[in-house]
């Protein structure tokens, strides 16, 4: 986001938990998820603005990854509903959620290490007719396969992985695997890209490159929701920040507003962090 040209909607949305957005792509209501006696997610309402970069932050154990897992079908919610592009996706399985347009990456990369980088990309292409017996007998699947390969090549070049196209994914560095996972997610043609700690474990030299890619995706109209612990990253790239603590949303707003919110400081540092010790 350019500091001298913030999106118009930012000035129209009050910085408060559960606030409605002008054009939301994802709407979550009354979402609950617990593990035994632990309430991992307890969200009354959340909206993610279309075409923006939204950061999801909070201390360890706040419920961020559990929220991702529930929304994308990897965990089942105890209660709640959520819609993507005004379509219900609450009861969908993970592969169905991805087909609907909500695609996520993982904190620990999931590259198929014994397959080539290019084959990792091709596996993610949606609606491959060649995978169906009768459709594979028709000539059209070859044109589709050629188009998928071309798209994969373009994405690999964009993420500077084109020279590694024929290498096994297991030979990539940690940072390169992060780039591959993001490129592979884009092969699925998502409308909402969800990144779980995209900067974790990567070489600092790749951080600027990864941030630039995320900003470019937003500028091209893609919506990005990402979990991140590095506050410098959050402040640099986010349009909007959502803060979780103990499973609930405690704050929302532009990065500068959230960064000065006393509830956010308390969540990270403890309510008595500024007081003298009495021990």
C-alpha atoms as a PDB file:
ATOM      1  CA  UNK A   1       0.000   0.000   0.000  1.00  0.00           C
ATOM      2  CA  UNK A   2       1.358   3.361  -0.964  1.00  0.00           C
ATOM      3  CA  UNK A   3       1.602   5.644   2.037  1.00  0.00           C
ATOM      4  CA  UNK A   4       0.517   8.683  -0.006  1.00  0.00           C
ATOM      5  CA  UNK A   5      -2.417   6.956  -1.689  1.00  0.00           C
ATOM      6  CA  UNK A   6      -4.280   4.747   0.806  1.00  0.00           C
ATOM      7  CA  UNK A   7      -7.386   2.919  -0.438  1.00  0.00           C
ATOM      8  CA  UNK A   8     -10.532   5.021  -0.070  1.00  0.00           C
ATOM      9  CA  UNK A   9     -12.319   2.378   1.985  1.00  0.00           C
ATOM     10  CA  UNK A  10      -9.804   2.694   4.819  1.00  0.00           C
ATOM     11  CA  UNK A  11     -11.167   6.104   5.763  1.00  0.00           C
ATOM     12  CA  UNK A  12     -14.733   4.765   5.723  1.00  0.00           C
ATOM     13  CA  UNK A  13     -14.287   1.815   8.097  1.00  0.00           C
ATOM     14  CA  UNK A  14     -14.021   2.425  11.851  1.00  0.00           C
ATOM     15  CA  UNK A  15     -11.205   0.486  13.564  1.00  0.00           C
ATOM     16  CA  UNK A  16     -13.217  -1.834  15.778  1.00  0.00           C
ATOM     17  CA  UNK A  17     -13.555  -5.636  16.133  1.00  0.00           C
ATOM     18  CA  UNK A  18     -16.047  -7.251  13.772  1.00  0.00           C
ATOM     19  CA  UNK A  19     -16.584  -4.117  11.707  1.00  0.00           C
ATOM     20  CA  UNK A  20     -18.309  -4.499   8.326  1.00  0.00           C
ATOM     21  CA  UNK A  21     -16.273  -3.796   5.186  1.00  0.00           C
ATOM     22  CA  UNK A  22     -17.498  -2.046   2.023  1.00  0.00           C
ATOM     23  CA  UNK A  23     -16.876  -5.024  -0.294  1.00  0.00           C
ATOM     24  CA  UNK A  24     -16.049  -8.143   1.730  1.00  0.00           C
ATOM     25  CA  UNK A  25     -14.917 -11.305   0.009  1.00  0.00           C
ATOM     26  CA  UNK A  26     -15.071 -13.446   3.163  1.00  0.00           C
ATOM     27  CA  UNK A  27     -17.729 -13.105   5.886  1.00  0.00           C
ATOM     28  CA  UNK A  28     -17.503 -15.190   9.064  1.00  0.00           C
ATOM     29  CA  UNK A  29     -20.222 -15.323  11.734  1.00  0.00           C
ATOM     30  CA  UNK A  30     -20.479 -16.991  15.151  1.00  0.00           C
ATOM     31  CA  UNK A  31     -17.481 -19.251  14.563  1.00  0.00           C
ATOM     32  CA  UNK A  32     -16.547 -21.532  17.465  1.00  0.00           C
ATOM     33  CA  UNK A  33     -13.896 -24.230  17.726  1.00  0.00           C
ATOM     34  CA  UNK A  34     -12.687 -25.900  20.908  1.00  0.00           C
ATOM     35  CA  UNK A  35     -10.289 -28.685  21.766  1.00  0.00           C
ATOM     36  CA  UNK A  36     -11.431 -30.311  24.980  1.00  0.00           C
ATOM     37  CA  UNK A  37     -11.902 -27.461  27.440  1.00  0.00           C
ATOM     38  CA  UNK A  38      -9.847 -24.989  25.391  1.00  0.00           C
ATOM     39  CA  UNK A  39     -11.772 -22.479  23.280  1.00  0.00           C
ATOM     40  CA  UNK A  40      -9.385 -22.114  20.348  1.00  0.00           C
ATOM     41  CA  UNK A  41     -11.597 -19.879  18.174  1.00  0.00           C
ATOM     42  CA  UNK A  42     -14.447 -17.694  19.411  1.00  0.00           C
ATOM     43  CA  UNK A  43     -15.335 -15.149  16.715  1.00  0.00           C
ATOM     44  CA  UNK A  44     -18.656 -13.343  16.560  1.00  0.00           C
ATOM     45  CA  UNK A  45     -18.083 -11.609  13.227  1.00  0.00           C
ATOM     46  CA  UNK A  46     -15.223 -11.071  10.807  1.00  0.00           C
ATOM     47  CA  UNK A  47     -15.111  -9.627   7.310  1.00  0.00           C
ATOM     48  CA  UNK A  48     -12.128  -9.584   4.949  1.00  0.00           C
ATOM     49  CA  UNK A  49     -12.076  -6.730   2.450  1.00  0.00           C
ATOM     50  CA  UNK A  50     -11.804  -7.689  -1.220  1.00  0.00           C
ATOM     51  CA  UNK A  51      -8.632  -6.608  -3.028  1.00  0.00           C
ATOM     52  CA  UNK A  52      -6.698  -5.826   0.156  1.00  0.00           C
ATOM     53  CA  UNK A  53      -3.856  -7.322   2.177  1.00  0.00           C
ATOM     54  CA  UNK A  54      -5.140  -8.213   5.626  1.00  0.00           C
ATOM     55  CA  UNK A  55      -2.718  -9.348   8.330  1.00  0.00           C
ATOM     56  CA  UNK A  56      -3.910 -11.679  11.081  1.00  0.00           C
ATOM     57  CA  UNK A  57      -1.725 -11.249  14.145  1.00  0.00           C
ATOM     58  CA  UNK A  58      -1.723 -12.231  17.806  1.00  0.00           C
ATOM     59  CA  UNK A  59       0.422 -13.905  20.453  1.00  0.00           C
ATOM     60  CA  UNK A  60       1.254 -17.605  20.309  1.00  0.00           C
ATOM     61  CA  UNK A  61      -1.842 -19.682  21.002  1.00  0.00           C
ATOM     62  CA  UNK A  62      -4.229 -16.927  19.898  1.00  0.00           C
ATOM     63  CA  UNK A  63      -5.990 -19.270  17.457  1.00  0.00           C
ATOM     64  CA  UNK A  64      -4.731 -17.878  14.146  1.00  0.00           C
ATOM     65  CA  UNK A  65      -3.708 -21.146  12.490  1.00  0.00           C
ATOM     66  CA  UNK A  66      -6.762 -22.927  13.904  1.00  0.00           C
ATOM     67  CA  UNK A  67      -8.909 -20.256  12.256  1.00  0.00           C
ATOM     68  CA  UNK A  68      -7.132 -20.890   8.956  1.00  0.00           C
ATOM     69  CA  UNK A  69      -7.608 -24.644   9.353  1.00  0.00           C
ATOM     70  CA  UNK A  70     -11.323 -24.305  10.047  1.00  0.00           C
ATOM     71  CA  UNK A  71     -12.028 -21.845   7.242  1.00  0.00           C
ATOM     72  CA  UNK A  72     -10.205 -23.990   4.684  1.00  0.00           C
ATOM     73  CA  UNK A  73     -11.788 -27.303   5.661  1.00  0.00           C
ATOM     74  CA  UNK A  74      -8.854 -28.935   7.425  1.00  0.00           C
ATOM     75  CA  UNK A  75     -10.678 -28.778  10.795  1.00  0.00           C
ATOM     76  CA  UNK A  76     -14.398 -28.852  11.523  1.00  0.00           C
ATOM     77  CA  UNK A  77     -15.987 -25.980  13.437  1.00  0.00           C
ATOM     78  CA  UNK A  78     -18.219 -26.611  16.429  1.00  0.00           C
ATOM     79  CA  UNK A  79     -20.504 -23.811  15.256  1.00  0.00           C
ATOM     80  CA  UNK A  80     -20.602 -20.932  12.797  1.00  0.00           C
ATOM     81  CA  UNK A  81     -21.036 -20.079   9.139  1.00  0.00           C
ATOM     82  CA  UNK A  82     -18.799 -18.400   6.588  1.00  0.00           C
ATOM     83  CA  UNK A  83     -19.323 -17.316   2.997  1.00  0.00           C
ATOM     84  CA  UNK A  84     -16.840 -16.688   0.201  1.00  0.00           C
ATOM     85  CA  UNK A  85     -18.046 -14.376  -2.567  1.00  0.00           C
ATOM     86  CA  UNK A  86     -21.555 -14.676  -1.095  1.00  0.00           C
ATOM     87  CA  UNK A  87     -21.428 -18.467  -1.458  1.00  0.00           C
ATOM     88  CA  UNK A  88     -21.601 -20.726   1.615  1.00  0.00           C
ATOM     89  CA  UNK A  89     -18.431 -22.761   2.143  1.00  0.00           C
ATOM     90  CA  UNK A  90     -19.039 -23.820   5.744  1.00  0.00           C
ATOM     91  CA  UNK A  91     -19.522 -27.535   5.144  1.00  0.00           C
ATOM     92  CA  UNK A  92     -17.046 -27.990   2.304  1.00  0.00           C
ATOM     93  CA  UNK A  93     -14.012 -30.259   2.510  1.00  0.00           C
ATOM     94  CA  UNK A  94     -10.525 -28.864   2.000  1.00  0.00           C
ATOM     95  CA  UNK A  95     -10.287 -29.672  -1.719  1.00  0.00           C
ATOM     96  CA  UNK A  96     -13.762 -28.206  -2.302  1.00  0.00           C
ATOM     97  CA  UNK A  97     -12.830 -25.007  -0.472  1.00  0.00           C
ATOM     98  CA  UNK A  98      -9.770 -24.678  -2.699  1.00  0.00           C
ATOM     99  CA  UNK A  99     -11.901 -25.172  -5.802  1.00  0.00           C
ATOM    100  CA  UNK A 100     -14.262 -22.459  -4.576  1.00  0.00           C
ATOM    101  CA  UNK A 101     -11.385 -19.956  -4.660  1.00  0.00           C
ATOM    102  CA  UNK A 102      -9.990 -19.926  -1.099  1.00  0.00           C
ATOM    103  CA  UNK A 103      -6.465 -21.370  -1.249  1.00  0.00           C
ATOM    104  CA  UNK A 104      -3.993 -21.507   1.617  1.00  0.00           C
ATOM    105  CA  UNK A 105      -0.334 -22.197   2.223  1.00  0.00           C
ATOM    106  CA  UNK A 106       1.122 -23.718   5.378  1.00  0.00           C
ATOM    107  CA  UNK A 107       3.550 -22.593   8.045  1.00  0.00           C
ATOM    108  CA  UNK A 108       5.571 -25.730   7.269  1.00  0.00           C
ATOM    109  CA  UNK A 109       5.831 -26.046   3.507  1.00  0.00           C
ATOM    110  CA  UNK A 110       4.093 -28.972   1.824  1.00  0.00           C
ATOM    111  CA  UNK A 111       6.138 -29.337  -1.340  1.00  0.00           C
ATOM    112  CA  UNK A 112       6.134 -32.848  -2.810  1.00  0.00           C
ATOM    113  CA  UNK A 113       9.866 -33.344  -2.442  1.00  0.00           C
ATOM    114  CA  UNK A 114      10.279 -36.345  -4.787  1.00  0.00           C
ATOM    115  CA  UNK A 115       8.552 -34.607  -7.667  1.00  0.00           C
ATOM    116  CA  UNK A 116      10.035 -31.897  -9.833  1.00  0.00           C
ATOM    117  CA  UNK A 117       9.266 -28.231  -9.254  1.00  0.00           C
ATOM    118  CA  UNK A 118       7.287 -28.123 -12.506  1.00  0.00           C
ATOM    119  CA  UNK A 119       5.245 -31.213 -11.610  1.00  0.00           C
ATOM    120  CA  UNK A 120       4.429 -29.662  -8.230  1.00  0.00           C
ATOM    121  CA  UNK A 121       2.977 -26.723 -10.129  1.00  0.00           C
ATOM    122  CA  UNK A 122       1.016 -28.786 -12.633  1.00  0.00           C
ATOM    123  CA  UNK A 123      -0.668 -30.796  -9.880  1.00  0.00           C
ATOM    124  CA  UNK A 124      -2.345 -27.636  -8.598  1.00  0.00           C
ATOM    125  CA  UNK A 125      -3.998 -26.653 -11.893  1.00  0.00           C
ATOM    126  CA  UNK A 126      -7.796 -26.789 -11.524  1.00  0.00           C
ATOM    127  CA  UNK A 127     -10.269 -28.808 -13.575  1.00  0.00           C
ATOM    128  CA  UNK A 128      -7.820 -31.042 -15.410  1.00  0.00           C
ATOM    129  CA  UNK A 129      -9.911 -33.054 -17.879  1.00  0.00           C
ATOM    130  CA  UNK A 130      -7.040 -35.457 -18.532  1.00  0.00           C
ATOM    131  CA  UNK A 131      -7.550 -36.884 -15.041  1.00  0.00           C
ATOM    132  CA  UNK A 132     -10.945 -38.311 -16.073  1.00  0.00           C
ATOM    133  CA  UNK A 133     -10.974 -41.539 -18.071  1.00  0.00           C
ATOM    134  CA  UNK A 134     -13.536 -40.677 -20.743  1.00  0.00           C
ATOM    135  CA  UNK A 135     -12.438 -37.041 -21.130  1.00  0.00           C
ATOM    136  CA  UNK A 136      -8.868 -38.225 -21.522  1.00  0.00           C
ATOM    137  CA  UNK A 137      -9.954 -40.044 -24.679  1.00  0.00           C
ATOM    138  CA  UNK A 138     -10.813 -36.696 -26.276  1.00  0.00           C
ATOM    139  CA  UNK A 139      -8.140 -34.445 -27.812  1.00  0.00           C
ATOM    140  CA  UNK A 140      -9.066 -31.329 -25.817  1.00  0.00           C
ATOM    141  CA  UNK A 141      -7.122 -32.311 -22.704  1.00  0.00           C
ATOM    142  CA  UNK A 142      -3.814 -31.859 -24.542  1.00  0.00           C
ATOM    143  CA  UNK A 143      -4.582 -28.200 -25.218  1.00  0.00           C
ATOM    144  CA  UNK A 144      -5.476 -27.757 -21.558  1.00  0.00           C
ATOM    145  CA  UNK A 145      -2.271 -29.474 -20.469  1.00  0.00           C
ATOM    146  CA  UNK A 146      -0.258 -27.181 -22.739  1.00  0.00           C
ATOM    147  CA  UNK A 147      -1.988 -24.094 -21.291  1.00  0.00           C
ATOM    148  CA  UNK A 148      -1.345 -25.303 -17.739  1.00  0.00           C
ATOM    149  CA  UNK A 149       2.317 -25.877 -18.509  1.00  0.00           C
ATOM    150  CA  UNK A 150       2.621 -22.401 -19.993  1.00  0.00           C
ATOM    151  CA  UNK A 151       0.981 -20.846 -16.927  1.00  0.00           C
ATOM    152  CA  UNK A 152       3.278 -22.834 -14.632  1.00  0.00           C
ATOM    153  CA  UNK A 153       6.336 -21.648 -16.548  1.00  0.00           C
ATOM    154  CA  UNK A 154       5.202 -18.020 -16.276  1.00  0.00           C
ATOM    155  CA  UNK A 155       4.668 -18.316 -12.523  1.00  0.00           C
ATOM    156  CA  UNK A 156       8.014 -20.045 -11.977  1.00  0.00           C
ATOM    157  CA  UNK A 157       9.737 -17.255 -13.872  1.00  0.00           C
ATOM    158  CA  UNK A 158       7.866 -14.661 -11.826  1.00  0.00           C
ATOM    159  CA  UNK A 159       9.058 -16.252  -8.573  1.00  0.00           C
ATOM    160  CA  UNK A 160      12.578 -16.786  -9.956  1.00  0.00           C
ATOM    161  CA  UNK A 161      12.277 -20.560  -9.840  1.00  0.00           C
ATOM    162  CA  UNK A 162      12.351 -21.184 -13.592  1.00  0.00           C
ATOM    163  CA  UNK A 163      15.959 -22.411 -13.495  1.00  0.00           C
ATOM    164  CA  UNK A 164      14.871 -25.037 -10.956  1.00  0.00           C
ATOM    165  CA  UNK A 165      11.897 -26.313 -12.956  1.00  0.00           C
ATOM    166  CA  UNK A 166      13.354 -29.791 -13.510  1.00  0.00           C
ATOM    167  CA  UNK A 167      14.932 -30.167 -10.062  1.00  0.00           C
ATOM    168  CA  UNK A 168      13.291 -32.175  -7.294  1.00  0.00           C
ATOM    169  CA  UNK A 169      11.344 -29.909  -4.954  1.00  0.00           C
ATOM    170  CA  UNK A 170      13.195 -31.514  -2.039  1.00  0.00           C
ATOM    171  CA  UNK A 171      16.428 -29.926  -3.256  1.00  0.00           C
ATOM    172  CA  UNK A 172      15.110 -26.372  -2.813  1.00  0.00           C
ATOM    173  CA  UNK A 173      16.095 -24.172   0.096  1.00  0.00           C
ATOM    174  CA  UNK A 174      13.501 -23.265   2.726  1.00  0.00           C
ATOM    175  CA  UNK A 175      12.899 -19.881   1.145  1.00  0.00           C
ATOM    176  CA  UNK A 176      12.575 -21.365  -2.328  1.00  0.00           C
ATOM    177  CA  UNK A 177      10.002 -23.831  -1.006  1.00  0.00           C
ATOM    178  CA  UNK A 178       7.993 -20.909   0.348  1.00  0.00           C
ATOM    179  CA  UNK A 179       8.114 -19.310  -3.098  1.00  0.00           C
ATOM    180  CA  UNK A 180       7.134 -22.606  -4.736  1.00  0.00           C
ATOM    181  CA  UNK A 181       4.185 -23.030  -2.390  1.00  0.00           C
ATOM    182  CA  UNK A 182       2.951 -19.532  -3.182  1.00  0.00           C
ATOM    183  CA  UNK A 183       3.397 -20.067  -6.908  1.00  0.00           C
ATOM    184  CA  UNK A 184       1.603 -23.422  -6.684  1.00  0.00           C
ATOM    185  CA  UNK A 185      -1.286 -21.798  -4.812  1.00  0.00           C
ATOM    186  CA  UNK A 186      -1.633 -19.284  -7.660  1.00  0.00           C
ATOM    187  CA  UNK A 187      -1.903 -22.168 -10.132  1.00  0.00           C
ATOM    188  CA  UNK A 188      -5.277 -22.892  -8.518  1.00  0.00           C
ATOM    189  CA  UNK A 189      -6.443 -19.407  -9.602  1.00  0.00           C
ATOM    190  CA  UNK A 190      -7.668 -18.308  -6.158  1.00  0.00           C
ATOM    191  CA  UNK A 191      -9.784 -15.282  -5.368  1.00  0.00           C
ATOM    192  CA  UNK A 192      -8.550 -15.325  -1.744  1.00  0.00           C
ATOM    193  CA  UNK A 193      -4.976 -16.366  -0.974  1.00  0.00           C
ATOM    194  CA  UNK A 194      -4.307 -17.300   2.668  1.00  0.00           C
ATOM    195  CA  UNK A 195      -0.667 -17.393   3.754  1.00  0.00           C
ATOM    196  CA  UNK A 196       0.283 -18.943   7.103  1.00  0.00           C
ATOM    197  CA  UNK A 197       3.511 -17.260   8.248  1.00  0.00           C
ATOM    198  CA  UNK A 198       4.999 -16.845   4.759  1.00  0.00           C
ATOM    199  CA  UNK A 199       8.190 -15.264   6.158  1.00  0.00           C
ATOM    200  CA  UNK A 200       8.922 -17.937   8.783  1.00  0.00           C
ATOM    201  CA  UNK A 201      12.268 -19.645   8.350  1.00  0.00           C
ATOM    202  CA  UNK A 202      13.330 -17.935   5.143  1.00  0.00           C
ATOM    203  CA  UNK A 203      16.613 -16.209   4.413  1.00  0.00           C
ATOM    204  CA  UNK A 204      16.314 -12.446   5.077  1.00  0.00           C
ATOM    205  CA  UNK A 205      17.601 -11.880   1.556  1.00  0.00           C
ATOM    206  CA  UNK A 206      14.364 -13.405   0.213  1.00  0.00           C
ATOM    207  CA  UNK A 207      12.054 -11.433   2.492  1.00  0.00           C
ATOM    208  CA  UNK A 208      11.954  -8.304   0.329  1.00  0.00           C
ATOM    209  CA  UNK A 209      11.309 -10.424  -2.753  1.00  0.00           C
ATOM    210  CA  UNK A 210       8.437 -12.274  -1.084  1.00  0.00           C
ATOM    211  CA  UNK A 211       6.918  -9.031   0.188  1.00  0.00           C
ATOM    212  CA  UNK A 212       7.117  -7.533  -3.285  1.00  0.00           C
ATOM    213  CA  UNK A 213       5.313 -10.553  -4.731  1.00  0.00           C
ATOM    214  CA  UNK A 214       2.505 -10.233  -2.172  1.00  0.00           C
ATOM    215  CA  UNK A 215       2.100  -6.520  -2.895  1.00  0.00           C
ATOM    216  CA  UNK A 216       2.005  -7.210  -6.645  1.00  0.00           C
ATOM    217  CA  UNK A 217      -0.739  -9.798  -6.149  1.00  0.00           C
ATOM    218  CA  UNK A 218      -2.833  -7.231  -4.268  1.00  0.00           C
ATOM    219  CA  UNK A 219      -2.215  -4.653  -6.998  1.00  0.00           C
ATOM    220  CA  UNK A 220      -3.462  -7.201  -9.548  1.00  0.00           C
ATOM    221  CA  UNK A 221      -6.739  -7.539  -7.652  1.00  0.00           C
ATOM    222  CA  UNK A 222      -6.101 -10.635  -5.537  1.00  0.00           C
ATOM    223  CA  UNK A 223      -7.176 -10.636  -1.890  1.00  0.00           C
ATOM    224  CA  UNK A 224      -4.508 -11.757   0.589  1.00  0.00           C
ATOM    225  CA  UNK A 225      -5.019 -12.800   4.210  1.00  0.00           C
ATOM    226  CA  UNK A 226      -1.833 -13.735   6.023  1.00  0.00           C
ATOM    227  CA  UNK A 227      -0.632 -14.735   9.480  1.00  0.00           C
ATOM    228  CA  UNK A 228       2.592 -13.070  10.553  1.00  0.00           C
ATOM    229  CA  UNK A 229       4.622 -12.503  13.725  1.00  0.00           C
ATOM    230  CA  UNK A 230       7.107 -10.017  12.289  1.00  0.00           C
ATOM    231  CA  UNK A 231       5.535  -6.645  13.057  1.00  0.00           C
ATOM    232  CA  UNK A 232       7.855  -4.817  10.677  1.00  0.00           C
ATOM    233  CA  UNK A 233       6.433  -6.951   7.860  1.00  0.00           C
ATOM    234  CA  UNK A 234       2.881  -6.306   9.052  1.00  0.00           C
ATOM    235  CA  UNK A 235       3.422  -2.544   9.203  1.00  0.00           C
ATOM    236  CA  UNK A 236       5.139  -2.426   5.814  1.00  0.00           C
ATOM    237  CA  UNK A 237       2.690  -4.365   3.673  1.00  0.00           C
ATOM    238  CA  UNK A 238      -0.743  -4.593   5.303  1.00  0.00           C
ATOM    239  CA  UNK A 239      -3.776  -2.510   4.403  1.00  0.00           C
ATOM    240  CA  UNK A 240      -5.704  -3.788   7.424  1.00  0.00           C
ATOM    241  CA  UNK A 241      -4.782  -5.737  10.561  1.00  0.00           C
ATOM    242  CA  UNK A 242      -6.935  -8.139  12.591  1.00  0.00           C
ATOM    243  CA  UNK A 243      -5.705  -9.033  16.081  1.00  0.00           C
ATOM    244  CA  UNK A 244      -6.625 -12.276  17.847  1.00  0.00           C
ATOM    245  CA  UNK A 245      -6.105 -13.220  21.495  1.00  0.00           C
ATOM    246  CA  UNK A 246      -7.470 -16.290  23.280  1.00  0.00           C
ATOM    247  CA  UNK A 247      -9.435 -17.210  20.170  1.00  0.00           C
ATOM    248  CA  UNK A 248     -11.315 -13.912  19.867  1.00  0.00           C
ATOM    249  CA  UNK A 249     -10.817 -10.781  17.790  1.00  0.00           C
ATOM    250  CA  UNK A 250      -9.779  -7.964  20.109  1.00  0.00           C
ATOM    251  CA  UNK A 251      -8.878  -5.261  17.574  1.00  0.00           C
ATOM    252  CA  UNK A 252      -9.023  -4.334  13.895  1.00  0.00           C
ATOM    253  CA  UNK A 253      -7.798  -1.387  11.911  1.00  0.00           C
ATOM    254  CA  UNK A 254      -5.029   0.071   9.762  1.00  0.00           C
ATOM    255  CA  UNK A 255      -1.519  -0.964  10.891  1.00  0.00           C
ATOM    256  CA  UNK A 256      -0.638   2.348  12.554  1.00  0.00           C
ATOM    257  CA  UNK A 257      -3.902   2.404  14.523  1.00  0.00           C
ATOM    258  CA  UNK A 258      -3.618  -1.198  15.676  1.00  0.00           C
ATOM    259  CA  UNK A 259       0.033  -0.725  16.632  1.00  0.00           C
ATOM    260  CA  UNK A 260      -0.926   1.967  19.156  1.00  0.00           C
ATOM    261  CA  UNK A 261      -3.974   0.119  20.523  1.00  0.00           C
ATOM    262  CA  UNK A 262      -3.451  -0.576  24.267  1.00  0.00           C
ATOM    263  CA  UNK A 263      -5.461  -3.822  24.053  1.00  0.00           C
ATOM    264  CA  UNK A 264      -3.019  -5.103  21.436  1.00  0.00           C
ATOM    265  CA  UNK A 265      -0.012  -4.132  23.546  1.00  0.00           C
ATOM    266  CA  UNK A 266      -1.600  -5.863  26.540  1.00  0.00           C
ATOM    267  CA  UNK A 267      -2.219  -9.019  24.522  1.00  0.00           C
ATOM    268  CA  UNK A 268       1.427  -9.233  23.479  1.00  0.00           C
ATOM    269  CA  UNK A 269       3.173  -7.980  26.596  1.00  0.00           C
ATOM    270  CA  UNK A 270       0.727  -8.562  29.445  1.00  0.00           C
ATOM    271  CA  UNK A 271      -1.592  -6.091  31.089  1.00  0.00           C
ATOM    272  CA  UNK A 272       0.966  -5.020  33.701  1.00  0.00           C
ATOM    273  CA  UNK A 273       3.949  -4.677  31.409  1.00  0.00           C
ATOM    274  CA  UNK A 274       4.302  -0.958  32.158  1.00  0.00           C
ATOM    275  CA  UNK A 275       3.944  -1.211  35.891  1.00  0.00           C
ATOM    276  CA  UNK A 276       6.749  -1.546  38.438  1.00  0.00           C
ATOM    277  CA  UNK A 277       7.297  -5.045  39.760  1.00  0.00           C
ATOM    278  CA  UNK A 278       6.079  -5.743  43.291  1.00  0.00           C
ATOM    279  CA  UNK A 279       7.901  -9.051  43.600  1.00  0.00           C
END
